[in-house]
């Protein structure tokens, strides 16, 4: 994702109190940049290769 146009940064947060929950935040220049990145053929192929069901 870092190579996609409009990408600014990501942050990974771990829950407190011994939690195993993670939250991953991505910052984009605009909603249009976000949508373009997640609809990019390479991203969709990467997701599919991991058996993840993804629908945009």
N, C-alpha and C. Protein backbone atom coordinates (compact mmCIF):
# COMPACT_ATOMS: atom_id res chain seq x y z
N UNK A 1 0.79 -1.19 0.00
CA UNK A 1 0.00 0.00 0.00
C UNK A 1 0.84 1.27 0.00
N UNK A 2 2.01 1.19 0.57
CA UNK A 2 2.85 2.39 0.68
C UNK A 2 3.18 2.98 -0.69
N UNK A 3 3.15 2.18 -1.73
CA UNK A 3 3.49 2.67 -3.06
C UNK A 3 2.29 3.31 -3.76
N UNK A 4 1.10 3.20 -3.19
CA UNK A 4 -0.09 3.71 -3.85
C UNK A 4 -0.18 5.23 -3.74
N UNK A 5 -0.64 5.83 -4.81
CA UNK A 5 -0.81 7.28 -4.85
C UNK A 5 -1.78 7.72 -3.75
N UNK A 6 -1.42 8.72 -3.00
CA UNK A 6 -2.29 9.25 -1.96
C UNK A 6 -2.07 8.68 -0.58
N UNK A 7 -1.24 7.63 -0.47
CA UNK A 7 -0.95 7.04 0.84
C UNK A 7 -0.12 8.01 1.67
N UNK A 8 -0.48 8.17 2.94
CA UNK A 8 0.28 9.04 3.83
C UNK A 8 1.00 8.21 4.89
N UNK A 9 0.26 7.43 5.68
CA UNK A 9 0.89 6.65 6.74
C UNK A 9 -0.06 5.59 7.29
N UNK A 10 0.51 4.70 8.09
CA UNK A 10 -0.30 3.73 8.84
C UNK A 10 0.19 3.69 10.27
N UNK A 11 -0.70 3.28 11.16
CA UNK A 11 -0.37 3.12 12.57
C UNK A 11 -1.02 1.84 13.06
N UNK A 12 -0.26 1.04 13.79
CA UNK A 12 -0.76 -0.20 14.37
C UNK A 12 -0.83 -0.03 15.88
N UNK A 13 -2.00 -0.25 16.44
CA UNK A 13 -2.21 -0.09 17.88
C UNK A 13 -2.59 -1.42 18.50
N UNK A 14 -1.98 -1.74 19.63
CA UNK A 14 -2.29 -2.95 20.40
C UNK A 14 -3.18 -2.56 21.56
N UNK A 15 -4.23 -3.36 21.79
CA UNK A 15 -5.13 -3.11 22.90
C UNK A 15 -4.41 -3.14 24.24
N UNK A 16 -5.00 -2.51 25.23
CA UNK A 16 -4.38 -2.44 26.55
C UNK A 16 -4.90 -3.55 27.45
N UNK A 17 -4.30 -3.71 28.60
CA UNK A 17 -4.75 -4.66 29.60
C UNK A 17 -4.59 -6.11 29.18
N UNK A 18 -3.54 -6.41 28.43
CA UNK A 18 -3.30 -7.78 28.01
C UNK A 18 -4.13 -8.22 26.82
N UNK A 19 -4.82 -7.30 26.18
CA UNK A 19 -5.65 -7.61 25.02
C UNK A 19 -4.77 -8.08 23.86
N UNK A 20 -5.32 -8.95 23.03
CA UNK A 20 -4.62 -9.38 21.83
C UNK A 20 -5.22 -8.73 20.58
N UNK A 21 -6.08 -7.73 20.79
CA UNK A 21 -6.71 -7.04 19.67
C UNK A 21 -5.76 -5.98 19.09
N UNK A 22 -5.74 -5.88 17.78
CA UNK A 22 -4.95 -4.87 17.09
C UNK A 22 -5.89 -4.01 16.25
N UNK A 23 -5.55 -2.74 16.13
CA UNK A 23 -6.25 -1.83 15.22
C UNK A 23 -5.20 -1.24 14.29
N UNK A 24 -5.47 -1.30 13.01
CA UNK A 24 -4.55 -0.78 12.01
C UNK A 24 -5.22 0.40 11.32
N UNK A 25 -4.63 1.59 11.44
CA UNK A 25 -5.17 2.79 10.83
C UNK A 25 -4.31 3.19 9.63
N UNK A 26 -4.98 3.52 8.54
CA UNK A 26 -4.27 4.03 7.36
C UNK A 26 -4.78 5.44 7.08
N UNK A 27 -3.86 6.33 6.77
CA UNK A 27 -4.21 7.71 6.46
C UNK A 27 -3.98 7.93 4.96
N UNK A 28 -4.99 8.45 4.30
CA UNK A 28 -4.95 8.71 2.86
C UNK A 28 -5.25 10.17 2.59
N UNK A 29 -4.77 10.68 1.47
CA UNK A 29 -5.02 12.07 1.09
C UNK A 29 -6.50 12.33 0.86
N UNK A 30 -7.22 11.31 0.37
CA UNK A 30 -8.65 11.49 0.09
C UNK A 30 -9.34 10.13 0.05
N UNK A 31 -10.64 10.15 0.10
CA UNK A 31 -11.42 8.93 -0.03
C UNK A 31 -11.18 8.31 -1.41
N UNK A 32 -11.04 9.14 -2.41
CA UNK A 32 -10.80 8.63 -3.77
C UNK A 32 -9.48 7.86 -3.83
N UNK A 33 -8.43 8.36 -3.19
CA UNK A 33 -7.16 7.64 -3.15
C UNK A 33 -7.31 6.30 -2.43
N UNK A 34 -8.03 6.30 -1.32
CA UNK A 34 -8.28 5.07 -0.56
C UNK A 34 -8.99 4.04 -1.43
N UNK A 35 -10.05 4.45 -2.08
CA UNK A 35 -10.82 3.52 -2.92
C UNK A 35 -9.99 2.99 -4.08
N UNK A 36 -9.20 3.86 -4.69
CA UNK A 36 -8.36 3.42 -5.82
C UNK A 36 -7.36 2.38 -5.37
N UNK A 37 -6.75 2.57 -4.20
CA UNK A 37 -5.76 1.61 -3.70
C UNK A 37 -6.40 0.26 -3.42
N UNK A 38 -7.57 0.25 -2.82
CA UNK A 38 -8.22 -1.01 -2.46
C UNK A 38 -8.88 -1.69 -3.65
N UNK A 39 -9.02 -0.97 -4.75
CA UNK A 39 -9.55 -1.57 -5.97
C UNK A 39 -8.45 -1.88 -6.99
N UNK A 40 -7.21 -1.64 -6.60
CA UNK A 40 -6.07 -1.90 -7.48
C UNK A 40 -5.95 -3.42 -7.70
N UNK A 41 -5.74 -3.87 -8.93
CA UNK A 41 -5.64 -5.31 -9.21
C UNK A 41 -4.59 -6.04 -8.37
N UNK A 42 -3.45 -5.41 -8.11
CA UNK A 42 -2.41 -6.07 -7.31
C UNK A 42 -2.87 -6.29 -5.87
N UNK A 43 -3.59 -5.32 -5.30
CA UNK A 43 -4.10 -5.49 -3.95
C UNK A 43 -5.13 -6.61 -3.91
N UNK A 44 -6.04 -6.62 -4.87
CA UNK A 44 -7.07 -7.67 -4.90
C UNK A 44 -6.43 -9.05 -5.06
N UNK A 45 -5.38 -9.17 -5.86
CA UNK A 45 -4.69 -10.45 -6.04
C UNK A 45 -4.00 -10.87 -4.74
N UNK A 46 -3.40 -9.91 -4.03
CA UNK A 46 -2.73 -10.20 -2.77
C UNK A 46 -3.74 -10.72 -1.75
N UNK A 47 -4.88 -10.07 -1.66
CA UNK A 47 -5.92 -10.50 -0.72
C UNK A 47 -6.42 -11.89 -1.09
N UNK A 48 -6.69 -12.11 -2.36
CA UNK A 48 -7.19 -13.41 -2.81
C UNK A 48 -6.19 -14.53 -2.54
N UNK A 49 -4.90 -14.24 -2.66
CA UNK A 49 -3.87 -15.26 -2.45
C UNK A 49 -3.82 -15.72 -1.00
N UNK A 50 -4.40 -14.94 -0.11
CA UNK A 50 -4.41 -15.29 1.31
C UNK A 50 -5.76 -15.86 1.74
N UNK A 51 -6.66 -16.08 0.79
CA UNK A 51 -7.94 -16.70 1.10
C UNK A 51 -8.91 -15.78 1.81
N UNK A 52 -8.66 -14.48 1.74
CA UNK A 52 -9.52 -13.51 2.40
C UNK A 52 -10.65 -13.12 1.45
N UNK A 53 -11.87 -13.10 1.94
CA UNK A 53 -13.00 -12.63 1.15
C UNK A 53 -13.07 -11.12 1.30
N UNK A 54 -12.95 -10.43 0.20
CA UNK A 54 -12.93 -8.97 0.20
C UNK A 54 -13.87 -8.47 -0.85
N UNK A 55 -14.72 -7.54 -0.47
CA UNK A 55 -15.66 -6.95 -1.43
C UNK A 55 -15.59 -5.45 -1.31
N UNK A 56 -15.37 -4.77 -2.43
CA UNK A 56 -15.28 -3.30 -2.38
C UNK A 56 -16.60 -2.67 -2.73
